[in-house]
């Protein structure tokens, strides 16, 4: 088992790893719309979705992978009414062969985020 760590994605805000690689699979902890250099949350659902997927990309790239290696994502939205707007932004990152995905509405997310995404990737 290998613990993932990169300064190109936000540092954990709790007792967990950015991600773990084991047996050819990468399991990333949930990412929210924090800028890695400042730790500040970006404003708005679209901007947070972009930042989350940039953070996910940075973690995958630290292992020589990309979003094309993602096989499953779980999306946590604070408001399911944002689903269509989220979907439009998400589709910009997964144009061909999108991964399996689950999307759920939650009552709250860390740091008042509007969205959080975790992924599983195959190396």
PDB file of N, CA and C in Angstrom:
ATOM      1  N   UNK A   1       0.839  -1.176   0.000  1.00  0.00           N
ATOM      2  CA  UNK A   1       0.000   0.000   0.000  1.00  0.00           C
ATOM      3  C   UNK A   1       0.888   1.243   0.000  1.00  0.00           C
ATOM      4  N   UNK A   2       0.527   2.211  -0.817  1.00  0.00           N
ATOM      5  CA  UNK A   2       1.279   3.454  -0.916  1.00  0.00           C
ATOM      6  C   UNK A   2       0.334   4.627  -0.620  1.00  0.00           C
ATOM      7  N   UNK A   3       0.769   5.520   0.243  1.00  0.00           N
ATOM      8  CA  UNK A   3       0.007   6.727   0.559  1.00  0.00           C
ATOM      9  C   UNK A   3       0.355   7.791  -0.472  1.00  0.00           C
ATOM     10  N   UNK A   4      -0.663   8.390  -1.095  1.00  0.00           N
ATOM     11  CA  UNK A   4      -0.443   9.457  -2.078  1.00  0.00           C
ATOM     12  C   UNK A   4      -0.334  10.792  -1.373  1.00  0.00           C
ATOM     13  N   UNK A   5       0.530  11.634  -1.902  1.00  0.00           N
ATOM     14  CA  UNK A   5       0.682  12.973  -1.343  1.00  0.00           C
ATOM     15  C   UNK A   5       1.273  13.867  -2.424  1.00  0.00           C
ATOM     16  N   UNK A   6       0.623  15.003  -2.657  1.00  0.00           N
ATOM     17  CA  UNK A   6       1.145  15.990  -3.593  1.00  0.00           C
ATOM     18  C   UNK A   6       0.756  17.378  -3.116  1.00  0.00           C
ATOM     19  N   UNK A   7       1.620  18.328  -3.347  1.00  0.00           N
ATOM     20  CA  UNK A   7       1.317  19.720  -2.988  1.00  0.00           C
ATOM     21  C   UNK A   7       0.442  20.380  -4.056  1.00  0.00           C
ATOM     22  N   UNK A   8       0.188  19.674  -5.151  1.00  0.00           N
ATOM     23  CA  UNK A   8      -0.640  20.212  -6.236  1.00  0.00           C
ATOM     24  C   UNK A   8      -2.128  20.062  -5.960  1.00  0.00           C
ATOM     25  N   UNK A   9      -2.476  19.422  -4.851  1.00  0.00           N
ATOM     26  CA  UNK A   9      -3.865  19.283  -4.412  1.00  0.00           C
ATOM     27  C   UNK A   9      -3.918  19.710  -2.946  1.00  0.00           C
ATOM     28  N   UNK A  10      -5.087  20.130  -2.479  1.00  0.00           N
ATOM     29  CA  UNK A  10      -5.191  20.573  -1.085  1.00  0.00           C
ATOM     30  C   UNK A  10      -4.772  19.486  -0.110  1.00  0.00           C
ATOM     31  N   UNK A  11      -4.139  19.905   0.955  1.00  0.00           N
ATOM     32  CA  UNK A  11      -3.757  18.972   2.004  1.00  0.00           C
ATOM     33  C   UNK A  11      -5.011  18.557   2.767  1.00  0.00           C
ATOM     34  N   UNK A  12      -5.038  17.353   3.313  1.00  0.00           N
ATOM     35  CA  UNK A  12      -6.213  16.900   4.065  1.00  0.00           C
ATOM     36  C   UNK A  12      -6.549  17.864   5.206  1.00  0.00           C
ATOM     37  N   UNK A  13      -7.838  18.004   5.452  1.00  0.00           N
ATOM     38  CA  UNK A  13      -8.279  18.872   6.549  1.00  0.00           C
ATOM     39  C   UNK A  13      -8.718  18.030   7.749  1.00  0.00           C
ATOM     40  N   UNK A  14      -8.304  16.777   7.754  1.00  0.00           N
ATOM     41  CA  UNK A  14      -8.619  15.861   8.841  1.00  0.00           C
ATOM     42  C   UNK A  14      -7.635  14.709   8.833  1.00  0.00           C
ATOM     43  N   UNK A  15      -7.877  13.709   9.680  1.00  0.00           N
ATOM     44  CA  UNK A  15      -6.955  12.577   9.780  1.00  0.00           C
ATOM     45  C   UNK A  15      -7.200  11.530   8.692  1.00  0.00           C
ATOM     46  N   UNK A  16      -6.824  11.861   7.463  1.00  0.00           N
ATOM     47  CA  UNK A  16      -6.955  10.953   6.328  1.00  0.00           C
ATOM     48  C   UNK A  16      -5.896  11.290   5.290  1.00  0.00           C
ATOM     49  N   UNK A  17      -5.671  10.376   4.370  1.00  0.00           N
ATOM     50  CA  UNK A  17      -4.695  10.570   3.296  1.00  0.00           C
ATOM     51  C   UNK A  17      -5.377  11.172   2.082  1.00  0.00           C
ATOM     52  N   UNK A  18      -4.602  11.865   1.244  1.00  0.00           N
ATOM     53  CA  UNK A  18      -5.150  12.369  -0.016  1.00  0.00           C
ATOM     54  C   UNK A  18      -5.635  11.204  -0.876  1.00  0.00           C
ATOM     55  N   UNK A  19      -4.931  10.107  -0.786  1.00  0.00           N
ATOM     56  CA  UNK A  19      -5.307   8.917  -1.531  1.00  0.00           C
ATOM     57  C   UNK A  19      -4.402   7.764  -1.184  1.00  0.00           C
ATOM     58  N   UNK A  20      -4.781   6.599  -1.670  1.00  0.00           N
ATOM     59  CA  UNK A  20      -4.008   5.381  -1.430  1.00  0.00           C
ATOM     60  C   UNK A  20      -3.959   4.594  -2.736  1.00  0.00           C
ATOM     61  N   UNK A  21      -2.778   4.041  -3.038  1.00  0.00           N
ATOM     62  CA  UNK A  21      -2.620   3.142  -4.187  1.00  0.00           C
ATOM     63  C   UNK A  21      -2.341   1.755  -3.638  1.00  0.00           C
ATOM     64  N   UNK A  22      -3.127   0.789  -4.114  1.00  0.00           N
ATOM     65  CA  UNK A  22      -2.937  -0.593  -3.680  1.00  0.00           C
ATOM     66  C   UNK A  22      -3.397  -1.535  -4.798  1.00  0.00           C
ATOM     67  N   UNK A  23      -2.579  -2.511  -5.090  1.00  0.00           N
ATOM     68  CA  UNK A  23      -2.915  -3.554  -6.071  1.00  0.00           C
ATOM     69  C   UNK A  23      -3.375  -2.984  -7.411  1.00  0.00           C
ATOM     70  N   UNK A  24      -2.737  -1.903  -7.851  1.00  0.00           N
ATOM     71  CA  UNK A  24      -3.064  -1.330  -9.154  1.00  0.00           C
ATOM     72  C   UNK A  24      -4.278  -0.423  -9.172  1.00  0.00           C
ATOM     73  N   UNK A  25      -4.851  -0.149  -8.003  1.00  0.00           N
ATOM     74  CA  UNK A  25      -5.995   0.749  -7.907  1.00  0.00           C
ATOM     75  C   UNK A  25      -5.633   1.966  -7.065  1.00  0.00           C
ATOM     76  N   UNK A  26      -6.205   3.097  -7.425  1.00  0.00           N
ATOM     77  CA  UNK A  26      -6.011   4.342  -6.683  1.00  0.00           C
ATOM     78  C   UNK A  26      -7.357   4.750  -6.108  1.00  0.00           C
ATOM     79  N   UNK A  27      -7.391   4.950  -4.806  1.00  0.00           N
ATOM     80  CA  UNK A  27      -8.587   5.389  -4.097  1.00  0.00           C
ATOM     81  C   UNK A  27      -8.318   6.798  -3.571  1.00  0.00           C
ATOM     82  N   UNK A  28      -9.009   7.792  -4.131  1.00  0.00           N
ATOM     83  CA  UNK A  28      -8.807   9.168  -3.697  1.00  0.00           C
ATOM     84  C   UNK A  28      -9.860   9.565  -2.682  1.00  0.00           C
ATOM     85  N   UNK A  29      -9.415  10.246  -1.648  1.00  0.00           N
ATOM     86  CA  UNK A  29     -10.356  10.818  -0.686  1.00  0.00           C
ATOM     87  C   UNK A  29     -11.171  11.900  -1.375  1.00  0.00           C
ATOM     88  N   UNK A  30     -12.321  12.199  -0.819  1.00  0.00           N
ATOM     89  CA  UNK A  30     -13.176  13.228  -1.385  1.00  0.00           C
ATOM     90  C   UNK A  30     -12.451  14.556  -1.507  1.00  0.00           C
ATOM     91  N   UNK A  31     -12.642  15.196  -2.645  1.00  0.00           N
ATOM     92  CA  UNK A  31     -12.044  16.501  -2.904  1.00  0.00           C
ATOM     93  C   UNK A  31     -13.155  17.548  -2.944  1.00  0.00           C
ATOM     94  N   UNK A  32     -12.884  18.687  -2.316  1.00  0.00           N
ATOM     95  CA  UNK A  32     -13.784  19.829  -2.376  1.00  0.00           C
ATOM     96  C   UNK A  32     -13.059  20.956  -3.101  1.00  0.00           C
ATOM     97  N   UNK A  33     -13.745  22.048  -3.338  1.00  0.00           N
ATOM     98  CA  UNK A  33     -13.211  23.120  -4.172  1.00  0.00           C
ATOM     99  C   UNK A  33     -12.202  24.032  -3.510  1.00  0.00           C
ATOM    100  N   UNK A  34     -11.216  23.457  -2.841  1.00  0.00           N
ATOM    101  CA  UNK A  34     -10.156  24.249  -2.216  1.00  0.00           C
ATOM    102  C   UNK A  34      -9.000  24.452  -3.185  1.00  0.00           C
ATOM    103  N   UNK A  35      -8.479  25.664  -3.219  1.00  0.00           N
ATOM    104  CA  UNK A  35      -7.272  25.935  -3.999  1.00  0.00           C
ATOM    105  C   UNK A  35      -6.087  25.357  -3.231  1.00  0.00           C
ATOM    106  N   UNK A  36      -5.240  24.575  -3.897  1.00  0.00           N
ATOM    107  CA  UNK A  36      -4.131  23.941  -3.177  1.00  0.00           C
ATOM    108  C   UNK A  36      -3.105  24.923  -2.625  1.00  0.00           C
ATOM    109  N   UNK A  37      -2.915  26.062  -3.294  1.00  0.00           N
ATOM    110  CA  UNK A  37      -1.876  26.998  -2.855  1.00  0.00           C
ATOM    111  C   UNK A  37      -2.307  27.871  -1.684  1.00  0.00           C
ATOM    112  N   UNK A  38      -3.612  28.138  -1.559  1.00  0.00           N
ATOM    113  CA  UNK A  38      -4.082  29.036  -0.491  1.00  0.00           C
ATOM    114  C   UNK A  38      -4.994  28.354   0.513  1.00  0.00           C
ATOM    115  N   UNK A  39      -5.586  27.218   0.146  1.00  0.00           N
ATOM    116  CA  UNK A  39      -6.538  26.559   1.019  1.00  0.00           C
ATOM    117  C   UNK A  39      -7.901  27.237   1.042  1.00  0.00           C
ATOM    118  N   UNK A  40      -8.092  28.223   0.153  1.00  0.00           N
ATOM    119  CA  UNK A  40      -9.367  28.946   0.097  1.00  0.00           C
ATOM    120  C   UNK A  40     -10.355  28.198  -0.792  1.00  0.00           C
ATOM    121  N   UNK A  41     -11.636  28.290  -0.422  1.00  0.00           N
ATOM    122  CA  UNK A  41     -12.711  27.690  -1.206  1.00  0.00           C
ATOM    123  C   UNK A  41     -13.074  28.634  -2.346  1.00  0.00           C
ATOM    124  N   UNK A  42     -13.205  28.104  -3.550  1.00  0.00           N
ATOM    125  CA  UNK A  42     -13.659  28.923  -4.676  1.00  0.00           C
ATOM    126  C   UNK A  42     -15.173  29.089  -4.563  1.00  0.00           C
ATOM    127  N   UNK A  43     -15.709  30.112  -5.202  1.00  0.00           N
ATOM    128  CA  UNK A  43     -17.132  30.445  -5.099  1.00  0.00           C
ATOM    129  C   UNK A  43     -17.946  29.769  -6.195  1.00  0.00           C
ATOM    130  N   UNK A  44     -19.126  29.326  -5.872  1.00  0.00           N
ATOM    131  CA  UNK A  44     -20.080  28.846  -6.857  1.00  0.00           C
ATOM    132  C   UNK A  44     -19.890  27.391  -7.256  1.00  0.00           C
ATOM    133  N   UNK A  45     -20.991  26.755  -7.650  1.00  0.00           N
ATOM    134  CA  UNK A  45     -20.966  25.337  -7.988  1.00  0.00           C
ATOM    135  C   UNK A  45     -20.068  25.032  -9.181  1.00  0.00           C
ATOM    136  N   UNK A  46     -20.186  25.793 -10.258  1.00  0.00           N
ATOM    137  CA  UNK A  46     -19.379  25.517 -11.452  1.00  0.00           C
ATOM    138  C   UNK A  46     -17.896  25.657 -11.132  1.00  0.00           C
ATOM    139  N   UNK A  47     -17.520  26.723 -10.456  1.00  0.00           N
ATOM    140  CA  UNK A  47     -16.111  26.938 -10.113  1.00  0.00           C
ATOM    141  C   UNK A  47     -15.613  25.853  -9.156  1.00  0.00           C
ATOM    142  N   UNK A  48     -16.450  25.454  -8.195  1.00  0.00           N
ATOM    143  CA  UNK A  48     -16.044  24.396  -7.276  1.00  0.00           C
ATOM    144  C   UNK A  48     -15.882  23.066  -8.014  1.00  0.00           C
ATOM    145  N   UNK A  49     -16.774  22.775  -8.953  1.00  0.00           N
ATOM    146  CA  UNK A  49     -16.654  21.540  -9.731  1.00  0.00           C
ATOM    147  C   UNK A  49     -15.349  21.527 -10.526  1.00  0.00           C
ATOM    148  N   UNK A  50     -15.029  22.648 -11.174  1.00  0.00           N
ATOM    149  CA  UNK A  50     -13.752  22.747 -11.900  1.00  0.00           C
ATOM    150  C   UNK A  50     -12.582  22.508 -10.947  1.00  0.00           C
ATOM    151  N   UNK A  51     -12.595  23.162  -9.779  1.00  0.00           N
ATOM    152  CA  UNK A  51     -11.479  23.040  -8.840  1.00  0.00           C
ATOM    153  C   UNK A  51     -11.366  21.612  -8.306  1.00  0.00           C
ATOM    154  N   UNK A  52     -12.497  20.998  -7.986  1.00  0.00           N
ATOM    155  CA  UNK A  52     -12.486  19.616  -7.505  1.00  0.00           C
ATOM    156  C   UNK A  52     -11.820  18.710  -8.536  1.00  0.00           C
ATOM    157  N   UNK A  53     -12.209  18.847  -9.800  1.00  0.00           N
ATOM    158  CA  UNK A  53     -11.662  17.968 -10.837  1.00  0.00           C
ATOM    159  C   UNK A  53     -10.204  18.302 -11.141  1.00  0.00           C
ATOM    160  N   UNK A  54      -9.789  19.536 -10.956  1.00  0.00           N
ATOM    161  CA  UNK A  54      -8.359  19.872 -11.058  1.00  0.00           C
ATOM    162  C   UNK A  54      -7.593  19.200  -9.924  1.00  0.00           C
ATOM    163  N   UNK A  55      -8.158  19.213  -8.724  1.00  0.00           N
ATOM    164  CA  UNK A  55      -7.511  18.568  -7.574  1.00  0.00           C
ATOM    165  C   UNK A  55      -7.398  17.061  -7.800  1.00  0.00           C
ATOM    166  N   UNK A  56      -8.480  16.448  -8.275  1.00  0.00           N
ATOM    167  CA  UNK A  56      -8.465  15.015  -8.583  1.00  0.00           C
ATOM    168  C   UNK A  56      -7.399  14.721  -9.639  1.00  0.00           C
ATOM    169  N   UNK A  57      -7.356  15.542 -10.687  1.00  0.00           N
ATOM    170  CA  UNK A  57      -6.364  15.361 -11.757  1.00  0.00           C
ATOM    171  C   UNK A  57      -4.947  15.433 -11.221  1.00  0.00           C
ATOM    172  N   UNK A  58      -4.682  16.404 -10.347  1.00  0.00           N
ATOM    173  CA  UNK A  58      -3.335  16.567  -9.785  1.00  0.00           C
ATOM    174  C   UNK A  58      -2.922  15.333  -8.987  1.00  0.00           C
ATOM    175  N   UNK A  59      -3.840  14.796  -8.212  1.00  0.00           N
ATOM    176  CA  UNK A  59      -3.523  13.590  -7.441  1.00  0.00           C
ATOM    177  C   UNK A  59      -3.265  12.404  -8.363  1.00  0.00           C
ATOM    178  N   UNK A  60      -4.076  12.250  -9.383  1.00  0.00           N
ATOM    179  CA  UNK A  60      -3.868  11.154 -10.333  1.00  0.00           C
ATOM    180  C   UNK A  60      -2.547  11.322 -11.075  1.00  0.00           C
ATOM    181  N   UNK A  61      -2.241  12.540 -11.489  1.00  0.00           N
ATOM    182  CA  UNK A  61      -0.989  12.802 -12.209  1.00  0.00           C
ATOM    183  C   UNK A  61       0.226  12.497 -11.345  1.00  0.00           C
ATOM    184  N   UNK A  62       0.107  12.654 -10.029  1.00  0.00           N
ATOM    185  CA  UNK A  62       1.237  12.339  -9.142  1.00  0.00           C
ATOM    186  C   UNK A  62       1.569  10.848  -9.178  1.00  0.00           C
ATOM    187  N   UNK A  63       0.638  10.047  -9.698  1.00  0.00           N
ATOM    188  CA  UNK A  63       0.837   8.603  -9.847  1.00  0.00           C
ATOM    189  C   UNK A  63       0.966   8.192 -11.309  1.00  0.00           C
ATOM    190  N   UNK A  64       1.164   9.179 -12.204  1.00  0.00           N
ATOM    191  CA  UNK A  64       1.320   8.881 -13.621  1.00  0.00           C
ATOM    192  C   UNK A  64       0.013   8.534 -14.312  1.00  0.00           C
ATOM    193  N   UNK A  65      -1.090   8.952 -13.744  1.00  0.00           N
ATOM    194  CA  UNK A  65      -2.411   8.653 -14.308  1.00  0.00           C
ATOM    195  C   UNK A  65      -3.124   9.949 -14.692  1.00  0.00           C
ATOM    196  N   UNK A  66      -4.335   9.803 -15.212  1.00  0.00           N
ATOM    197  CA  UNK A  66      -5.157  10.958 -15.574  1.00  0.00           C
ATOM    198  C   UNK A  66      -6.622  10.606 -15.320  1.00  0.00           C
ATOM    199  N   UNK A  67      -7.501  11.532 -15.647  1.00  0.00           N
ATOM    200  CA  UNK A  67      -8.926  11.274 -15.470  1.00  0.00           C
ATOM    201  C   UNK A  67      -9.394  10.088 -16.306  1.00  0.00           C
ATOM    202  N   UNK A  68      -8.683   9.764 -17.382  1.00  0.00           N
ATOM    203  CA  UNK A  68      -9.066   8.619 -18.208  1.00  0.00           C
ATOM    204  C   UNK A  68      -8.894   7.294 -17.457  1.00  0.00           C
ATOM    205  N   UNK A  69      -8.165   7.300 -16.341  1.00  0.00           N
ATOM    206  CA  UNK A  69      -7.977   6.099 -15.532  1.00  0.00           C
ATOM    207  C   UNK A  69      -9.102   5.900 -14.509  1.00  0.00           C
ATOM    208  N   UNK A  70      -9.968   6.907 -14.360  1.00  0.00           N
ATOM    209  CA  UNK A  70     -11.044   6.825 -13.369  1.00  0.00           C
ATOM    210  C   UNK A  70     -12.080   5.801 -13.822  1.00  0.00           C
ATOM    211  N   UNK A  71     -12.395   4.866 -12.923  1.00  0.00           N
ATOM    212  CA  UNK A  71     -13.396   3.849 -13.240  1.00  0.00           C
ATOM    213  C   UNK A  71     -14.696   4.063 -12.458  1.00  0.00           C
ATOM    214  N   UNK A  72     -14.657   4.835 -11.369  1.00  0.00           N
ATOM    215  CA  UNK A  72     -15.848   5.084 -10.553  1.00  0.00           C
ATOM    216  C   UNK A  72     -15.688   6.407  -9.822  1.00  0.00           C
ATOM    217  N   UNK A  73     -16.739   7.211  -9.832  1.00  0.00           N
ATOM    218  CA  UNK A  73     -16.735   8.427  -9.029  1.00  0.00           C
ATOM    219  C   UNK A  73     -18.016   8.487  -8.211  1.00  0.00           C
ATOM    220  N   UNK A  74     -17.900   9.103  -7.060  1.00  0.00           N
ATOM    221  CA  UNK A  74     -19.060   9.364  -6.213  1.00  0.00           C
ATOM    222  C   UNK A  74     -19.118  10.864  -6.004  1.00  0.00           C
ATOM    223  N   UNK A  75     -20.286  11.425  -6.292  1.00  0.00           N
ATOM    224  CA  UNK A  75     -20.496  12.872  -6.235  1.00  0.00           C
ATOM    225  C   UNK A  75     -21.478  13.170  -5.116  1.00  0.00           C
ATOM    226  N   UNK A  76     -21.099  14.111  -4.268  1.00  0.00           N
ATOM    227  CA  UNK A  76     -21.949  14.555  -3.174  1.00  0.00           C
ATOM    228  C   UNK A  76     -22.328  16.011  -3.449  1.00  0.00           C
ATOM    229  N   UNK A  77     -23.604  16.257  -3.658  1.00  0.00           N
ATOM    230  CA  UNK A  77     -24.099  17.612  -3.929  1.00  0.00           C
ATOM    231  C   UNK A  77     -24.906  18.101  -2.734  1.00  0.00           C
ATOM    232  N   UNK A  78     -24.711  19.356  -2.381  1.00  0.00           N
ATOM    233  CA  UNK A  78     -25.528  19.927  -1.308  1.00  0.00           C
ATOM    234  C   UNK A  78     -26.955  20.176  -1.765  1.00  0.00           C
ATOM    235  N   UNK A  79     -27.153  20.334  -3.074  1.00  0.00           N
ATOM    236  CA  UNK A  79     -28.486  20.607  -3.587  1.00  0.00           C
ATOM    237  C   UNK A  79     -28.659  19.870  -4.915  1.00  0.00           C
ATOM    238  N   UNK A  80     -29.552  18.891  -4.943  1.00  0.00           N
ATOM    239  CA  UNK A  80     -29.753  18.107  -6.160  1.00  0.00           C
ATOM    240  C   UNK A  80     -30.320  18.965  -7.299  1.00  0.00           C
ATOM    241  N   UNK A  81     -30.853  20.141  -6.984  1.00  0.00           N
ATOM    242  CA  UNK A  81     -31.285  21.054  -8.039  1.00  0.00           C
ATOM    243  C   UNK A  81     -30.101  21.548  -8.873  1.00  0.00           C
ATOM    244  N   UNK A  82     -28.884  21.371  -8.367  1.00  0.00           N
ATOM    245  CA  UNK A  82     -27.666  21.755  -9.099  1.00  0.00           C
ATOM    246  C   UNK A  82     -27.174  20.649 -10.031  1.00  0.00           C
ATOM    247  N   UNK A  83     -27.894  19.534 -10.086  1.00  0.00           N
ATOM    248  CA  UNK A  83     -27.428  18.364 -10.832  1.00  0.00           C
ATOM    249  C   UNK A  83     -27.160  18.663 -12.305  1.00  0.00           C
ATOM    250  N   UNK A  84     -28.066  19.344 -12.982  1.00  0.00           N
ATOM    251  CA  UNK A  84     -27.880  19.628 -14.417  1.00  0.00           C
ATOM    252  C   UNK A  84     -26.663  20.523 -14.640  1.00  0.00           C
ATOM    253  N   UNK A  85     -26.511  21.544 -13.813  1.00  0.00           N
ATOM    254  CA  UNK A  85     -25.367  22.457 -13.942  1.00  0.00           C
ATOM    255  C   UNK A  85     -24.064  21.712 -13.653  1.00  0.00           C
ATOM    256  N   UNK A  86     -24.067  20.871 -12.626  1.00  0.00           N
ATOM    257  CA  UNK A  86     -22.897  20.052 -12.320  1.00  0.00           C
ATOM    258  C   UNK A  86     -22.576  19.130 -13.496  1.00  0.00           C
ATOM    259  N   UNK A  87     -23.597  18.447 -14.016  1.00  0.00           N
ATOM    260  CA  UNK A  87     -23.409  17.488 -15.105  1.00  0.00           C
ATOM    261  C   UNK A  87     -22.747  18.142 -16.317  1.00  0.00           C
ATOM    262  N   UNK A  88     -23.159  19.352 -16.637  1.00  0.00           N
ATOM    263  CA  UNK A  88     -22.587  20.059 -17.780  1.00  0.00           C
ATOM    264  C   UNK A  88     -21.093  20.287 -17.570  1.00  0.00           C
ATOM    265  N   UNK A  89     -20.704  20.714 -16.386  1.00  0.00           N
ATOM    266  CA  UNK A  89     -19.287  20.952 -16.088  1.00  0.00           C
ATOM    267  C   UNK A  89     -18.516  19.636 -16.040  1.00  0.00           C
ATOM    268  N   UNK A  90     -19.062  18.641 -15.380  1.00  0.00           N
ATOM    269  CA  UNK A  90     -18.420  17.329 -15.252  1.00  0.00           C
ATOM    270  C   UNK A  90     -18.139  16.717 -16.625  1.00  0.00           C
ATOM    271  N   UNK A  91     -19.095  16.883 -17.540  1.00  0.00           N
ATOM    272  CA  UNK A  91     -18.944  16.283 -18.871  1.00  0.00           C
ATOM    273  C   UNK A  91     -17.774  16.877 -19.654  1.00  0.00           C
ATOM    274  N   UNK A  92     -17.332  18.073 -19.304  1.00  0.00           N
ATOM    275  CA  UNK A  92     -16.158  18.670 -19.952  1.00  0.00           C
ATOM    276  C   UNK A  92     -14.891  17.873 -19.644  1.00  0.00           C
ATOM    277  N   UNK A  93     -14.866  17.186 -18.514  1.00  0.00           N
ATOM    278  CA  UNK A  93     -13.689  16.444 -18.073  1.00  0.00           C
ATOM    279  C   UNK A  93     -13.740  14.969 -18.465  1.00  0.00           C
ATOM    280  N   UNK A  94     -14.943  14.456 -18.692  1.00  0.00           N
ATOM    281  CA  UNK A  94     -15.113  13.042 -19.046  1.00  0.00           C
ATOM    282  C   UNK A  94     -15.898  12.957 -20.352  1.00  0.00           C
ATOM    283  N   UNK A  95     -15.255  13.351 -21.450  1.00  0.00           N
ATOM    284  CA  UNK A  95     -15.927  13.395 -22.753  1.00  0.00           C
ATOM    285  C   UNK A  95     -16.129  12.008 -23.344  1.00  0.00           C
ATOM    286  N   UNK A  96     -15.101  11.192 -23.316  1.00  0.00           N
ATOM    287  CA  UNK A  96     -15.160   9.848 -23.883  1.00  0.00           C
ATOM    288  C   UNK A  96     -15.065   8.819 -22.765  1.00  0.00           C
ATOM    289  N   UNK A  97     -15.871   7.796 -22.849  1.00  0.00           N
ATOM    290  CA  UNK A  97     -15.835   6.706 -21.876  1.00  0.00           C
ATOM    291  C   UNK A  97     -15.883   7.188 -20.426  1.00  0.00           C
ATOM    292  N   UNK A  98     -16.945   7.889 -20.043  1.00  0.00           N
ATOM    293  CA  UNK A  98     -17.017   8.364 -18.654  1.00  0.00           C
ATOM    294  C   UNK A  98     -17.093   7.183 -17.683  1.00  0.00           C
ATOM    295  N   UNK A  99     -16.612   7.391 -16.468  1.00  0.00           N
ATOM    296  CA  UNK A  99     -16.624   6.312 -15.476  1.00  0.00           C
ATOM    297  C   UNK A  99     -18.041   6.056 -14.958  1.00  0.00           C
ATOM    298  N   UNK A 100     -18.202   4.932 -14.280  1.00  0.00           N
ATOM    299  CA  UNK A 100     -19.430   4.695 -13.522  1.00  0.00           C
ATOM    300  C   UNK A 100     -19.512   5.801 -12.465  1.00  0.00           C
ATOM    301  N   UNK A 101     -20.744   6.164 -12.083  1.00  0.00           N
ATOM    302  CA  UNK A 101     -20.868   7.301 -11.168  1.00  0.00           C
ATOM    303  C   UNK A 101     -22.123   7.171 -10.321  1.00  0.00           C
ATOM    304  N   UNK A 102     -22.016   7.645  -9.103  1.00  0.00           N
ATOM    305  CA  UNK A 102     -23.150   7.793  -8.207  1.00  0.00           C
ATOM    306  C   UNK A 102     -23.193   9.249  -7.789  1.00  0.00           C
ATOM    307  N   UNK A 103     -24.400   9.821  -7.739  1.00  0.00           N
ATOM    308  CA  UNK A 103     -24.566  11.201  -7.261  1.00  0.00           C
ATOM    309  C   UNK A 103     -25.661  11.210  -6.209  1.00  0.00           C
ATOM    310  N   UNK A 104     -25.364  11.817  -5.083  1.00  0.00           N
ATOM    311  CA  UNK A 104     -26.323  11.897  -3.988  1.00  0.00           C
ATOM    312  C   UNK A 104     -26.357  13.305  -3.425  1.00  0.00           C
ATOM    313  N   UNK A 105     -27.495  13.662  -2.855  1.00  0.00           N
ATOM    314  CA  UNK A 105     -27.618  14.938  -2.154  1.00  0.00           C
ATOM    315  C   UNK A 105     -27.302  14.693  -0.683  1.00  0.00           C
ATOM    316  N   UNK A 106     -26.548  15.616  -0.102  1.00  0.00           N
ATOM    317  CA  UNK A 106     -26.196  15.544   1.317  1.00  0.00           C
ATOM    318  C   UNK A 106     -26.592  16.848   1.990  1.00  0.00           C
ATOM    319  N   UNK A 107     -26.763  16.814   3.293  1.00  0.00           N
ATOM    320  CA  UNK A 107     -27.217  18.011   4.003  1.00  0.00           C
ATOM    321  C   UNK A 107     -26.103  19.032   4.218  1.00  0.00           C
ATOM    322  N   UNK A 108     -24.867  18.568   4.276  1.00  0.00           N
ATOM    323  CA  UNK A 108     -23.744  19.488   4.489  1.00  0.00           C
ATOM    324  C   UNK A 108     -22.456  18.814   4.058  1.00  0.00           C
ATOM    325  N   UNK A 109     -21.465  19.645   3.721  1.00  0.00           N
ATOM    326  CA  UNK A 109     -20.130  19.173   3.352  1.00  0.00           C
ATOM    327  C   UNK A 109     -19.091  19.996   4.106  1.00  0.00           C
ATOM    328  N   UNK A 110     -17.877  19.475   4.254  1.00  0.00           N
ATOM    329  CA  UNK A 110     -16.825  20.232   4.937  1.00  0.00           C
ATOM    330  C   UNK A 110     -16.619  21.613   4.305  1.00  0.00           C
ATOM    331  N   UNK A 111     -16.332  22.567   5.159  1.00  0.00           N
ATOM    332  CA  UNK A 111     -16.021  23.952   4.739  1.00  0.00           C
ATOM    333  C   UNK A 111     -17.151  24.579   3.918  1.00  0.00           C
ATOM    334  N   UNK A 112     -18.376  24.126   4.122  1.00  0.00           N
ATOM    335  CA  UNK A 112     -19.546  24.651   3.409  1.00  0.00           C
ATOM    336  C   UNK A 112     -19.458  24.451   1.901  1.00  0.00           C
ATOM    337  N   UNK A 113     -18.740  23.435   1.467  1.00  0.00           N
ATOM    338  CA  UNK A 113     -18.614  23.152   0.037  1.00  0.00           C
ATOM    339  C   UNK A 113     -19.983  22.827  -0.551  1.00  0.00           C
ATOM    340  N   UNK A 114     -20.122  23.086  -1.837  1.00  0.00           N
ATOM    341  CA  UNK A 114     -21.353  22.768  -2.557  1.00  0.00           C
ATOM    342  C   UNK A 114     -21.279  21.388  -3.204  1.00  0.00           C
ATOM    343  N   UNK A 115     -20.050  20.878  -3.356  1.00  0.00           N
ATOM    344  CA  UNK A 115     -19.826  19.595  -4.018  1.00  0.00           C
ATOM    345  C   UNK A 115     -18.563  18.939  -3.461  1.00  0.00           C
ATOM    346  N   UNK A 116     -18.578  17.614  -3.443  1.00  0.00           N
ATOM    347  CA  UNK A 116     -17.397  16.824  -3.105  1.00  0.00           C
ATOM    348  C   UNK A 116     -17.414  15.606  -4.021  1.00  0.00           C
ATOM    349  N   UNK A 117     -16.243  15.215  -4.501  1.00  0.00           N
ATOM    350  CA  UNK A 117     -16.134  14.044  -5.379  1.00  0.00           C
ATOM    351  C   UNK A 117     -14.971  13.172  -4.902  1.00  0.00           C
ATOM    352  N   UNK A 118     -15.238  11.867  -4.798  1.00  0.00           N
ATOM    353  CA  UNK A 118     -14.144  10.922  -4.605  1.00  0.00           C
ATOM    354  C   UNK A 118     -14.120   9.981  -5.791  1.00  0.00           C
ATOM    355  N   UNK A 119     -12.962   9.410  -6.071  1.00  0.00           N
ATOM    356  CA  UNK A 119     -12.839   8.542  -7.244  1.00  0.00           C
ATOM    357  C   UNK A 119     -12.015   7.303  -6.933  1.00  0.00           C
ATOM    358  N   UNK A 120     -12.247   6.293  -7.757  1.00  0.00           N
ATOM    359  CA  UNK A 120     -11.406   5.099  -7.810  1.00  0.00           C
ATOM    360  C   UNK A 120     -10.865   5.031  -9.219  1.00  0.00           C
ATOM    361  N   UNK A 121      -9.563   4.825  -9.345  1.00  0.00           N
ATOM    362  CA  UNK A 121      -8.926   4.747 -10.664  1.00  0.00           C
ATOM    363  C   UNK A 121      -8.129   3.451 -10.754  1.00  0.00           C
ATOM    364  N   UNK A 122      -7.934   3.006 -11.972  1.00  0.00           N
ATOM    365  CA  UNK A 122      -7.135   1.823 -12.248  1.00  0.00           C
ATOM    366  C   UNK A 122      -5.827   2.279 -12.876  1.00  0.00           C
ATOM    367  N   UNK A 123      -4.728   1.825 -12.311  1.00  0.00           N
ATOM    368  CA  UNK A 123      -3.421   2.244 -12.802  1.00  0.00           C
ATOM    369  C   UNK A 123      -3.039   1.545 -14.078  1.00  0.00           C
TER     370      UNK A 123
END
